[in-house]
Amino acid sequence: MLGPIFFFGISILLISYLILYPVVEYFRDPKGLRKYPNLNTFSGLTNLSFIYEAHQGFRSKKLLQAHQNAPVIRIGPNSLSYGDPKAIKDIYGHGTPCDKDRFYSVLAGSHYHLADVIDKPDHARKRKILSSAYALKNLEGWEHKVADKCERLVRAFDTRCTGPPGGSEEKLISSDDLTVDYRAWTNFFTIDAIADIGLSERLGFLDAGNDSCMAERMDGTLYTVPSYRASLHATARAQSNLVWGYDWYPMLVKLSKIFSRRFREYWRLNEGWNDIVWHRTCKRLRRYQAGEPLDDFFASLMENKSGHMNMMEFGEIMAEVSIMMNAGSDTTALAMNNVMFLLLKNPRCMAKLREELDAVLDPEDVVAPYDKIRYLPYLRACLDEALRIYPPTTFGLPRRTPPDGATIMNDYVAGDTTVSISAYVAHRNPSLFPDPESFQPERWLGEKGKELQPYFISFSAGARGCIGRNISYLEQSVVLSTVIHRYELALLSVDWEPARWESFNLMSGPMPVKLWKRTFESEKLVTS
C-alpha cells in the first residue's frame, strides 16, 4: 500500500516542480521578463527549451532569426539575449556592473581558470599573473616557436602538393587531388604551437600527420589517446548541449550517460581529455622542479619576472593549462580555416591579399617573417572579416546583472538575471555591417574600420576579453601569409560548403583542398 502512495506523492512533487511552479512564476512575472518575446513556446517556462535548441545544432542561427523581429529575446525563464550591438558596452564593457553568470561555476572543475573565474578580485589576481605571459612584448620571444611550427606545416604541405589544375578555364578539381584537409592541418599547427609556447613541449602532430597523444591517469598509468581533437570536441559537445539548465546539470549528465549511447561516448572521450591535461601539467611541473630554465606560459604561472613564486595551487595550475590547451588551440584553428574558406570563395579578395603579401615577401621566404607582415592592413582586414562572419565562439557569453539590477540599452533589467549577446548575431547587424553575409574585408580599413571595432566581439570585450588575442593574431597572420604566398589552393567546387555545428564554438567539419606550389615570375624566366 505504501508503494503506490509513495509513487503518487513523488509524481505530485514532480508535476508541481516541473509544470505548476514554472507556470505560476511565468504569470506572476516577478522580474518583469514576460514583456520580452520568447525564443520558442516554452522559453519563459523552462530552461529545457534552450537545451532543446542546443540539440538542434546551431542555436545562434535561431537567435539571429528571432532578433530580426525584436532587439531582446527571452531564451529562458531568467535569461535574455540581446541582438543590438549597442548592448555590448552595457553587458561586457569596462565598468559594467554585470558579473560572469552561474554558467561558469556550473562547468568549473575543482579550481577556476581565468576564463571561468567569477569573483572579480580573484579574476584580477589571475589576470595580473597571466598578463605578463600573454603580453605583446612576449610575442617577439615566442615568434620563433610559431615560425618553427609553420616550417613543419610547409614541409607537410610540400609533400602533398599536386600539379596545377589542367586545361579548361573552369579548372575542374578531381576529388583525388584533394590531398590536404586544411581544417585538420591548421588544428595540428595550433595545438603544436600552443604546447610549445605554453609548456615547451613538442607534441609532433605536424610531423606525424595525426593528433594521437599520450595521456596519464591520476594513478600514473600512461596510455595513448587516439585523437586529441576528438577528446576535446566531445567534451564541448556534451557540455554545450546540457549546461543550460544550471540546477539540473549534474542530473542531466548522469541521465545522458544512462539513456544516450552518443553521450556515453562523449563522456568517455572527455576522460581522455582530462588525462591529456593531467599528463601535460605533471610532465612540465617535473621539469620545473628539476630546475630546467624554460621561457614559456607555465613559467609565468609559477613565478613572476622578479622570480617570486605566485603560490598557485596545483589544481589551479592544471585548470590554467587546460584552458590554454583548449581555447589556445581550437578557436585559432577555426579562424584559420574560416579565413581560407572565405578567400577561396572570393577570388577578388584572394588576389588583393596575395598582391599585398608579394610586395613585402621574397620568393625565398619559406615562412613569412612576422616583422614583414604584422602591419599589413588588408591582411588584418581579411582576418577580422572572417572572424566577423564566423566568430569561433558564437554563443552569447552569459553575464548576470547585480542584485539591484542594471540598465541595458536604457532599459532596466532586474537583479540576478542572465544577459548575453551572441557574436554571431551582433556581427550581422545590417546597420553596422551592410550586406552582413558577404565577405568584404574593405569594411575594416581606414577610419570606418576603427569605428566598427567597439562592435567586434570575436574576442569578447572589456576586462574579461580574451587575453590570448595577440598570440592568435600572430599565428593566424604567419600561417595565412605563408600559405597564400607559397601555394595555390582550390576547393572541390565553387559552391562547396563545410559542415558546421555549434557547441560553445562554431565548429567546422573537414575542408579538403587541392594544393600546388606557386610559380613566381623570376622562376618563369629561369625555366623559359
Protein backbone atom coordinates (compact mmCIF):
# COMPACT_ATOMS: atom_id res chain seq x y z
CA MET A 1 0.00 0.00 0.00
CA LEU A 2 2.84 2.37 0.83
CA GLY A 3 4.41 1.84 -2.60
CA PRO A 4 1.57 3.36 -4.67
CA ILE A 5 1.18 6.21 -2.15
CA PHE A 6 4.91 6.97 -2.33
CA PHE A 7 4.85 6.85 -6.15
CA PHE A 8 1.78 9.12 -6.20
CA GLY A 9 3.46 11.60 -3.84
CA ILE A 10 6.64 11.70 -5.94
CA SER A 11 4.55 12.21 -9.07
CA ILE A 12 2.71 15.15 -7.50
CA LEU A 13 6.03 16.71 -6.44
CA LEU A 14 7.50 16.33 -9.92
CA ILE A 15 4.41 17.78 -11.59
CA SER A 16 4.45 20.69 -9.16
CA TYR A 17 8.17 21.34 -9.65
CA LEU A 18 8.35 20.86 -13.40
CA ILE A 19 4.96 22.22 -14.51
CA LEU A 20 2.84 24.01 -11.91
CA TYR A 21 5.58 26.14 -10.31
CA PRO A 22 7.06 27.34 -13.67
CA VAL A 23 3.57 28.26 -14.93
CA VAL A 24 2.75 30.18 -11.74
CA GLU A 25 6.09 32.01 -11.86
CA TYR A 26 5.62 32.83 -15.55
CA PHE A 27 2.34 34.60 -14.91
CA ARG A 28 3.46 36.09 -11.60
CA ASP A 29 6.44 37.55 -13.51
CA PRO A 30 8.37 38.97 -10.51
CA LYS A 31 11.18 40.34 -12.72
CA GLY A 32 9.04 41.75 -15.49
CA LEU A 33 10.55 39.49 -18.17
CA ARG A 34 7.24 38.44 -19.75
CA LYS A 35 7.24 41.59 -21.88
CA TYR A 36 10.06 40.17 -23.98
CA PRO A 37 9.27 37.77 -26.87
CA ASN A 38 10.15 34.12 -26.30
CA LEU A 39 12.66 32.24 -28.45
CA ASN A 40 10.21 29.35 -28.57
CA THR A 41 6.90 28.43 -26.97
CA PHE A 42 8.40 27.23 -23.68
CA SER A 43 11.32 29.66 -23.21
CA GLY A 44 9.58 31.58 -20.46
CA LEU A 45 8.71 28.39 -18.58
CA THR A 46 11.79 26.17 -18.59
CA ASN A 47 15.48 26.07 -19.46
CA LEU A 48 14.81 22.74 -21.14
CA SER A 49 13.64 24.80 -24.10
CA PHE A 50 17.16 26.16 -24.70
CA ILE A 51 18.63 22.70 -24.16
CA TYR A 52 16.28 21.62 -26.96
CA GLU A 53 17.62 24.43 -29.17
CA ALA A 54 21.18 23.39 -28.38
CA HIS A 55 20.39 19.86 -29.57
CA GLN A 56 19.24 21.25 -32.94
CA GLY A 57 22.87 22.04 -33.74
CA PHE A 58 23.01 25.81 -34.39
CA ARG A 59 21.17 27.78 -31.71
CA SER A 60 22.81 31.12 -32.65
CA LYS A 61 21.26 30.93 -36.11
CA LYS A 62 17.85 30.50 -34.47
CA LEU A 63 18.65 33.52 -32.29
CA LEU A 64 19.59 35.55 -35.35
CA GLN A 65 16.22 34.81 -36.91
CA ALA A 66 14.40 35.77 -33.71
CA HIS A 67 16.32 39.03 -33.39
CA GLN A 68 15.17 40.13 -36.83
CA ASN A 69 11.89 40.96 -35.10
CA ALA A 70 12.98 42.02 -31.60
CA PRO A 71 16.15 43.50 -30.04
CA VAL A 72 15.69 41.45 -26.85
CA ILE A 73 14.59 37.81 -26.76
CA ARG A 74 13.77 35.71 -23.71
CA ILE A 75 15.71 32.44 -24.05
CA GLY A 76 14.94 31.04 -20.60
CA PRO A 77 12.84 31.82 -17.54
CA ASN A 78 15.67 34.01 -16.23
CA SER A 79 17.70 34.65 -19.41
CA LEU A 80 17.68 37.41 -22.02
CA SER A 81 19.51 37.54 -25.34
CA TYR A 82 20.33 40.90 -26.94
CA GLY A 83 20.62 41.43 -30.67
CA ASP A 84 21.62 45.09 -30.82
CA PRO A 85 25.41 45.61 -30.68
CA LYS A 86 24.81 48.75 -28.65
CA ALA A 87 24.21 46.41 -25.70
CA ILE A 88 27.83 45.21 -25.82
CA LYS A 89 29.13 48.07 -23.68
CA ASP A 90 26.43 47.64 -21.04
CA ILE A 91 26.91 43.86 -20.75
CA TYR A 92 30.64 43.35 -21.35
CA GLY A 93 32.33 46.74 -21.36
CA HIS A 94 34.78 48.16 -18.85
CA GLY A 95 32.82 49.36 -15.85
CA THR A 96 29.79 47.13 -16.47
CA PRO A 97 28.02 46.17 -13.23
CA CYS A 98 27.35 42.69 -14.65
CA ASP A 99 29.37 39.71 -13.39
CA LYS A 100 30.03 36.38 -15.01
CA ASP A 101 26.98 34.15 -14.87
CA ARG A 102 26.45 30.91 -12.91
CA PHE A 103 27.11 29.14 -16.22
CA TYR A 104 30.84 29.32 -15.49
CA SER A 105 30.68 27.90 -11.98
CA VAL A 106 28.48 25.03 -13.19
CA LEU A 107 31.18 23.95 -15.67
CA ALA A 108 34.19 24.74 -13.48
CA GLY A 109 36.28 21.96 -12.03
CA SER A 110 37.76 21.95 -8.55
CA HIS A 111 39.60 25.19 -9.38
CA TYR A 112 38.68 28.13 -11.57
CA HIS A 113 40.80 29.23 -14.52
CA LEU A 114 40.97 32.75 -15.93
CA ALA A 115 38.10 32.19 -18.37
CA ASP A 116 35.57 30.88 -15.83
CA VAL A 117 36.51 32.63 -12.57
CA ILE A 118 33.56 34.71 -11.35
CA ASP A 119 34.94 36.54 -8.31
CA LYS A 120 36.32 39.90 -9.52
CA PRO A 121 39.26 40.16 -7.06
CA ASP A 122 40.26 36.59 -7.92
CA HIS A 123 40.00 37.42 -11.62
CA ALA A 124 42.21 40.49 -11.10
CA ARG A 125 44.79 38.31 -9.31
CA LYS A 126 44.82 35.75 -12.09
CA ARG A 127 44.97 38.33 -14.85
CA LYS A 128 47.92 40.05 -13.18
CA ILE A 129 49.78 36.74 -13.09
CA LEU A 130 48.93 35.80 -16.67
CA SER A 131 49.16 39.20 -18.33
CA SER A 132 52.96 39.03 -18.43
CA ALA A 133 52.77 35.69 -20.21
CA TYR A 134 50.37 36.99 -22.86
CA ALA A 135 51.85 40.48 -23.16
CA LEU A 136 52.50 41.87 -26.62
CA LYS A 137 56.22 42.19 -25.90
CA ASN A 138 56.48 38.42 -25.39
CA LEU A 139 55.41 37.75 -28.96
CA GLU A 140 58.92 38.50 -30.18
CA GLY A 141 60.28 35.87 -27.81
CA TRP A 142 57.77 33.28 -29.00
CA GLU A 143 57.74 34.11 -32.69
CA HIS A 144 60.48 31.56 -33.35
CA LYS A 145 58.23 28.82 -31.94
CA VAL A 146 55.43 29.85 -34.30
CA ALA A 147 57.89 30.00 -37.21
CA ASP A 148 59.16 26.52 -36.36
CA LYS A 149 55.64 25.07 -36.46
CA CYS A 150 54.88 26.92 -39.68
CA GLU A 151 58.02 25.47 -41.26
CA ARG A 152 56.83 22.00 -40.30
CA LEU A 153 53.41 22.78 -41.79
CA VAL A 154 55.11 23.83 -45.05
CA ARG A 155 57.16 20.64 -45.05
CA ALA A 156 53.97 18.58 -44.74
CA PHE A 157 52.16 20.61 -47.42
CA ASP A 158 55.09 20.39 -49.85
CA THR A 159 54.91 16.59 -49.81
CA ARG A 160 51.16 16.74 -50.51
CA CYS A 161 51.25 19.16 -53.42
CA THR A 162 49.69 18.11 -56.73
CA GLY A 163 50.13 19.56 -60.19
CA PRO A 164 48.18 22.66 -61.28
CA PRO A 165 44.60 22.11 -62.48
CA GLY A 166 44.53 21.14 -66.09
CA GLY A 167 43.05 22.57 -69.21
CA SER A 168 39.80 24.46 -69.10
CA GLU A 169 39.08 27.82 -67.55
CA GLU A 170 36.72 26.13 -65.09
CA LYS A 171 39.73 24.34 -63.56
CA LEU A 172 37.72 21.28 -62.59
CA ILE A 173 39.12 19.64 -59.46
CA SER A 174 39.27 15.89 -59.08
CA SER A 175 38.44 14.54 -55.64
CA ASP A 176 41.69 12.54 -55.89
CA ASP A 177 43.58 15.85 -55.89
CA LEU A 178 42.12 16.96 -52.53
CA THR A 179 45.24 15.93 -50.66
CA VAL A 180 45.09 18.32 -47.68
CA ASP A 181 42.38 18.64 -45.04
CA TYR A 182 43.07 22.27 -44.21
CA ARG A 183 40.86 22.11 -41.13
CA ALA A 184 42.85 19.25 -39.62
CA TRP A 185 46.31 20.53 -40.51
CA THR A 186 45.76 24.04 -39.18
CA ASN A 187 44.50 22.45 -35.96
CA PHE A 188 47.65 20.31 -35.78
CA PHE A 189 49.55 23.57 -36.14
CA THR A 190 47.74 25.43 -33.34
CA ILE A 191 47.98 22.51 -30.91
CA ASP A 192 51.69 22.05 -31.59
CA ALA A 193 52.24 25.80 -31.28
CA ILE A 194 50.39 26.31 -28.01
CA ALA A 195 52.05 23.23 -26.46
CA ASP A 196 55.46 24.73 -27.28
CA ILE A 197 54.54 28.30 -26.28
CA GLY A 198 52.79 27.19 -23.13
CA LEU A 199 54.73 24.15 -21.95
CA SER A 200 57.90 23.95 -24.05
CA GLU A 201 56.68 20.56 -25.26
CA ARG A 202 56.90 19.23 -28.80
CA LEU A 203 53.78 17.16 -29.44
CA GLY A 204 54.82 16.45 -33.03
CA PHE A 205 51.36 16.40 -34.62
CA LEU A 206 52.61 18.23 -37.71
CA ASP A 207 55.45 15.76 -38.17
CA ALA A 208 53.24 12.71 -37.64
CA GLY A 209 50.23 14.00 -39.58
CA ASN A 210 47.86 12.97 -36.77
CA ASP A 211 46.93 14.00 -33.24
CA SER A 212 47.48 10.77 -31.35
CA CYS A 213 48.57 11.86 -27.90
CA MET A 214 49.98 10.47 -24.65
CA ALA A 215 47.73 10.73 -21.58
CA GLU A 216 48.12 9.87 -17.92
CA ARG A 217 45.62 8.75 -15.32
CA MET A 218 45.88 10.03 -11.78
CA ASP A 219 47.33 6.68 -10.69
CA GLY A 220 50.28 7.26 -13.02
CA THR A 221 49.14 4.91 -15.79
CA LEU A 222 50.24 6.12 -19.22
CA TYR A 223 48.21 5.37 -22.33
CA THR A 224 47.63 6.76 -25.83
CA VAL A 225 44.56 8.82 -26.74
CA PRO A 226 43.87 8.22 -30.46
CA SER A 227 42.81 11.82 -31.11
CA TYR A 228 43.45 14.96 -29.07
CA ARG A 229 40.83 16.83 -31.12
CA ALA A 230 38.15 14.16 -30.76
CA SER A 231 38.52 14.19 -26.97
CA LEU A 232 38.40 17.98 -26.77
CA HIS A 233 35.44 18.34 -29.14
CA ALA A 234 33.44 15.58 -27.46
CA THR A 235 33.77 17.38 -24.14
CA ALA A 236 32.44 20.61 -25.65
CA ARG A 237 29.56 18.88 -27.44
CA ALA A 238 28.36 17.15 -24.29
CA GLN A 239 28.61 20.20 -22.04
CA SER A 240 27.14 22.66 -24.55
CA ASN A 241 24.06 20.52 -25.00
CA LEU A 242 23.24 20.14 -21.33
CA VAL A 243 24.62 23.06 -19.32
CA TRP A 244 21.74 25.50 -19.82
CA GLY A 245 19.67 24.00 -17.02
CA TYR A 246 22.14 25.07 -14.33
CA ASP A 247 20.43 23.43 -11.35
CA TRP A 248 19.78 20.26 -13.30
CA TYR A 249 23.17 19.92 -14.99
CA PRO A 250 24.67 17.20 -12.70
CA MET A 251 21.48 15.16 -13.02
CA LEU A 252 21.36 15.66 -16.80
CA VAL A 253 24.94 14.41 -17.10
CA LYS A 254 24.04 11.23 -15.21
CA LEU A 255 20.89 10.69 -17.25
CA SER A 256 22.75 11.24 -20.52
CA LYS A 257 25.21 8.50 -19.57
CA ILE A 258 22.34 6.10 -18.91
CA PHE A 259 20.00 6.77 -21.81
CA SER A 260 22.19 8.03 -24.68
CA ARG A 261 24.85 5.96 -26.42
CA ARG A 262 26.11 9.10 -28.15
CA PHE A 263 26.58 10.94 -24.85
CA ARG A 264 28.21 7.92 -23.22
CA GLU A 265 30.84 8.14 -25.96
CA TYR A 266 31.22 11.89 -25.42
CA TRP A 267 31.85 11.40 -21.71
CA ARG A 268 34.27 8.54 -22.35
CA LEU A 269 36.29 10.78 -24.65
CA ASN A 270 36.09 13.53 -22.02
CA GLU A 271 38.08 11.31 -19.65
CA GLY A 272 40.81 11.17 -22.31
CA TRP A 273 40.89 14.96 -22.46
CA ASN A 274 41.24 15.24 -18.68
CA ASP A 275 44.11 12.74 -18.75
CA ILE A 276 45.85 14.61 -21.58
CA VAL A 277 45.82 17.79 -19.48
CA TRP A 278 46.93 15.92 -16.34
CA HIS A 279 49.90 14.41 -18.18
CA ARG A 280 50.96 17.72 -19.75
CA THR A 281 50.80 19.51 -16.40
CA CYS A 282 52.63 16.83 -14.40
CA LYS A 283 55.33 16.48 -17.05
CA ARG A 284 56.00 20.22 -17.19
CA LEU A 285 55.93 20.53 -13.38
CA ARG A 286 58.62 17.87 -13.09
CA ARG A 287 60.82 19.85 -15.48
CA TYR A 288 60.25 22.99 -13.42
CA GLN A 289 61.06 21.21 -10.17
CA ALA A 290 64.25 19.86 -11.75
CA GLY A 291 65.35 23.46 -12.33
CA GLU A 292 65.15 23.40 -16.13
CA PRO A 293 65.14 27.08 -17.25
CA LEU A 294 62.32 27.46 -19.79
CA ASP A 295 60.65 30.63 -21.03
CA ASP A 296 57.01 29.70 -21.51
CA PHE A 297 53.49 30.23 -20.22
CA PHE A 298 53.95 27.66 -17.45
CA ALA A 299 56.97 29.52 -16.08
CA SER A 300 54.82 32.65 -15.76
CA LEU A 301 52.27 30.64 -13.80
CA MET A 302 54.90 29.54 -11.32
CA GLU A 303 56.72 32.82 -10.71
CA ASN A 304 56.75 36.44 -11.79
CA LYS A 305 59.53 38.18 -13.72
CA SER A 306 61.30 39.01 -10.45
CA GLY A 307 61.50 35.33 -9.57
CA HIS A 308 58.93 35.45 -6.76
CA MET A 309 56.61 32.46 -6.51
CA ASN A 310 52.97 33.05 -7.44
CA MET A 311 51.88 30.39 -4.92
CA MET A 312 49.21 28.89 -7.15
CA GLU A 313 47.76 25.53 -6.09
CA PHE A 314 48.35 22.56 -8.36
CA GLY A 315 44.65 22.32 -9.23
CA GLU A 316 44.65 25.96 -10.27
CA ILE A 317 47.76 25.44 -12.41
CA MET A 318 46.14 22.45 -14.09
CA ALA A 319 42.98 24.48 -14.76
CA GLU A 320 45.03 27.18 -16.50
CA VAL A 321 46.88 24.60 -18.57
CA SER A 322 43.55 23.06 -19.56
CA ILE A 323 42.01 26.30 -20.85
CA MET A 324 45.26 27.20 -22.60
CA MET A 325 45.38 23.84 -24.44
CA ASN A 326 41.65 24.14 -25.23
CA ALA A 327 40.91 27.75 -26.17
CA GLY A 328 44.52 28.38 -27.17
CA SER A 329 44.30 25.85 -29.97
CA ASP A 330 40.74 25.33 -31.16
CA THR A 331 39.46 28.87 -31.69
CA THR A 332 42.57 29.95 -33.63
CA ALA A 333 42.41 26.85 -35.82
CA LEU A 334 38.77 27.58 -36.64
CA ALA A 335 39.71 31.15 -37.52
CA MET A 336 42.48 29.93 -39.83
CA ASN A 337 40.15 27.52 -41.57
CA ASN A 338 37.37 30.07 -41.99
CA VAL A 339 39.51 32.83 -43.48
CA MET A 340 40.96 30.43 -46.04
CA PHE A 341 37.49 29.17 -46.94
CA LEU A 342 36.19 32.71 -47.44
CA LEU A 343 39.20 33.74 -49.51
CA LEU A 344 38.78 30.70 -51.77
CA LYS A 345 35.13 31.63 -52.21
CA ASN A 346 36.09 35.23 -53.04
CA PRO A 347 38.89 35.22 -55.66
CA ARG A 348 38.99 39.02 -55.86
CA CYS A 349 39.90 39.25 -52.18
CA MET A 350 42.42 36.42 -52.53
CA ALA A 351 44.16 38.24 -55.40
CA LYS A 352 44.24 41.51 -53.48
CA LEU A 353 45.73 39.87 -50.39
CA ARG A 354 48.31 37.99 -52.45
CA GLU A 355 49.36 41.24 -54.13
CA GLU A 356 49.87 42.86 -50.71
CA LEU A 357 51.91 39.88 -49.49
CA ASP A 358 54.02 39.61 -52.63
CA ALA A 359 55.01 43.25 -52.23
CA VAL A 360 56.76 42.55 -48.91
CA LEU A 361 57.73 38.87 -49.11
CA ASP A 362 60.51 37.44 -51.23
CA PRO A 363 60.09 34.22 -53.25
CA GLU A 364 62.64 32.54 -50.99
CA ASP A 365 60.66 33.34 -47.81
CA VAL A 366 59.55 29.84 -46.85
CA VAL A 367 57.85 31.14 -43.71
CA ALA A 368 56.52 34.69 -43.68
CA PRO A 369 58.57 36.71 -41.16
CA TYR A 370 56.21 38.39 -38.73
CA ASP A 371 58.02 41.72 -38.87
CA LYS A 372 57.27 41.91 -42.61
CA ILE A 373 53.55 41.25 -42.33
CA ARG A 374 52.37 42.35 -38.89
CA TYR A 375 51.16 45.78 -40.04
CA LEU A 376 49.70 44.86 -43.44
CA PRO A 377 46.23 46.44 -43.45
CA TYR A 378 44.48 44.14 -45.91
CA LEU A 379 45.84 41.02 -44.20
CA ARG A 380 44.40 42.16 -40.87
CA ALA A 381 41.16 43.20 -42.59
CA CYS A 382 40.76 39.69 -44.06
CA LEU A 383 41.33 38.11 -40.64
CA ASP A 384 38.83 40.40 -38.94
CA GLU A 385 36.20 39.98 -41.63
CA ALA A 386 36.43 36.19 -41.35
CA LEU A 387 36.18 36.49 -37.56
CA ARG A 388 33.12 38.68 -38.03
CA ILE A 389 31.27 36.27 -40.31
CA TYR A 390 32.29 33.11 -38.46
CA PRO A 391 33.33 34.08 -34.92
CA PRO A 392 34.94 30.93 -33.48
CA THR A 393 32.99 31.37 -30.23
CA THR A 394 29.46 32.12 -31.33
CA PHE A 395 27.31 31.66 -28.24
CA GLY A 396 26.40 34.63 -26.07
CA LEU A 397 28.90 34.63 -23.20
CA PRO A 398 26.46 34.86 -20.27
CA ARG A 399 26.65 37.61 -17.67
CA ARG A 400 24.44 38.24 -14.64
CA THR A 401 23.01 41.54 -13.52
CA PRO A 402 23.87 42.66 -9.96
CA PRO A 403 21.31 42.09 -7.17
CA ASP A 404 19.88 45.59 -7.56
CA GLY A 405 19.57 45.27 -11.32
CA ALA A 406 21.25 47.04 -14.24
CA THR A 407 20.36 49.31 -17.12
CA ILE A 408 20.96 47.80 -20.55
CA MET A 409 20.19 49.94 -23.58
CA ASN A 410 18.25 52.38 -21.38
CA ASP A 411 16.04 49.54 -20.13
CA TYR A 412 16.08 48.40 -16.50
CA VAL A 413 16.73 44.67 -16.06
CA ALA A 414 16.02 43.11 -12.67
CA GLY A 415 18.79 41.76 -10.49
CA ASP A 416 20.32 38.29 -10.89
CA THR A 417 19.11 37.97 -14.49
CA THR A 418 21.26 36.28 -17.12
CA VAL A 419 22.03 38.54 -20.10
CA SER A 420 24.12 37.89 -23.21
CA ILE A 421 24.75 38.83 -26.81
CA SER A 422 25.93 36.34 -29.43
CA ALA A 423 28.86 37.43 -31.60
CA TYR A 424 27.19 35.63 -34.49
CA VAL A 425 24.13 37.86 -34.05
CA ALA A 426 25.93 41.12 -33.26
CA HIS A 427 28.19 40.80 -36.30
CA ARG A 428 25.19 40.53 -38.60
CA ASN A 429 23.54 43.81 -37.68
CA PRO A 430 22.90 45.42 -41.10
CA SER A 431 23.01 48.99 -39.78
CA LEU A 432 26.65 48.45 -38.79
CA PHE A 433 27.63 45.76 -41.29
CA PRO A 434 25.73 46.29 -44.57
CA ASP A 435 25.22 43.10 -46.55
CA PRO A 436 26.40 41.18 -43.48
CA GLU A 437 26.70 37.74 -45.09
CA SER A 438 29.16 38.94 -47.75
CA PHE A 439 32.93 38.83 -47.26
CA GLN A 440 34.10 42.43 -47.51
CA PRO A 441 37.50 42.98 -45.85
CA GLU A 442 37.43 46.59 -47.05
CA ARG A 443 34.89 47.45 -44.36
CA TRP A 444 37.70 47.22 -41.77
CA LEU A 445 40.06 49.67 -43.49
CA GLY A 446 40.63 53.31 -42.54
CA GLU A 447 38.57 55.37 -40.14
CA LYS A 448 35.39 53.45 -40.95
CA GLY A 449 37.08 50.27 -39.77
CA LYS A 450 38.13 51.89 -36.49
CA GLU A 451 34.52 52.93 -35.86
CA LEU A 452 33.43 49.28 -36.13
CA GLN A 453 35.89 47.96 -33.55
CA PRO A 454 33.62 48.52 -30.49
CA TYR A 455 31.09 46.18 -32.11
CA PHE A 456 33.62 43.45 -32.93
CA ILE A 457 33.41 40.82 -30.19
CA SER A 458 35.09 37.71 -31.57
CA PHE A 459 37.45 38.03 -28.59
CA SER A 460 34.65 39.30 -26.30
CA ALA A 461 35.12 42.76 -24.78
CA GLY A 462 36.02 44.67 -21.66
CA ALA A 463 38.01 43.43 -18.67
CA ARG A 464 37.01 39.81 -19.42
CA GLY A 465 38.09 39.95 -23.07
CA CYS A 466 40.30 37.16 -24.43
CA ILE A 467 43.81 37.50 -23.04
CA GLY A 468 45.27 35.40 -25.87
CA ARG A 469 44.22 37.56 -28.82
CA ASN A 470 47.79 38.71 -29.55
CA ILE A 471 49.05 35.14 -29.86
CA SER A 472 46.04 34.24 -32.01
CA TYR A 473 46.69 37.11 -34.43
CA LEU A 474 50.38 36.19 -34.58
CA GLU A 475 49.62 32.58 -35.51
CA GLN A 476 46.85 33.48 -37.95
CA SER A 477 48.95 36.11 -39.71
CA VAL A 478 52.04 33.95 -40.14
CA VAL A 479 50.19 30.85 -41.35
CA LEU A 480 47.84 32.64 -43.75
CA SER A 481 50.65 34.76 -45.23
CA THR A 482 52.93 31.75 -45.63
CA VAL A 483 50.32 29.57 -47.29
CA ILE A 484 48.92 32.27 -49.60
CA HIS A 485 52.42 33.35 -50.66
CA ARG A 486 53.74 29.83 -51.30
CA TYR A 487 50.76 27.89 -52.65
CA GLU A 488 47.69 27.94 -54.82
CA LEU A 489 44.64 26.25 -53.31
CA ALA A 490 41.26 25.15 -54.59
CA LEU A 491 38.07 23.68 -53.18
CA LEU A 492 36.29 20.82 -54.87
CA SER A 493 33.84 23.27 -56.45
CA VAL A 494 32.78 26.91 -56.19
CA ASP A 495 29.59 26.00 -54.30
CA TRP A 496 31.20 23.59 -51.82
CA GLU A 497 30.41 24.27 -48.14
CA PRO A 498 31.80 22.64 -44.99
CA ALA A 499 29.58 21.08 -42.37
CA ARG A 500 29.06 23.46 -39.43
CA TRP A 501 27.60 22.91 -35.99
CA GLU A 502 27.65 24.85 -32.75
CA SER A 503 28.93 23.64 -29.42
CA PHE A 504 30.45 26.54 -27.49
CA ASN A 505 32.42 27.28 -30.64
CA LEU A 506 31.09 27.32 -34.18
CA MET A 507 32.70 24.12 -35.35
CA SER A 508 33.60 23.18 -38.91
CA GLY A 509 34.00 19.78 -40.48
CA PRO A 510 36.87 18.76 -42.78
CA MET A 511 37.89 21.16 -45.55
CA PRO A 512 39.70 19.15 -48.23
CA VAL A 513 41.65 21.31 -50.68
CA LYS A 514 43.85 20.83 -53.70
CA LEU A 515 47.27 22.33 -53.11
CA TRP A 516 50.03 23.18 -55.58
CA LYS A 517 53.10 25.40 -55.48
CA ARG A 518 53.02 28.85 -56.99
CA THR A 519 55.39 29.81 -59.79
CA PHE A 520 56.95 33.24 -59.36
CA GLU A 521 57.94 35.47 -62.26
CA SER A 522 61.65 35.02 -61.55
CA GLU A 523 61.21 31.25 -61.72
CA LYS A 524 59.34 31.54 -65.01
CA LEU A 525 62.24 33.50 -66.52
CA VAL A 526 64.75 30.88 -65.42
CA THR A 527 62.78 28.00 -66.94
CA SER A 528 61.94 29.79 -70.22
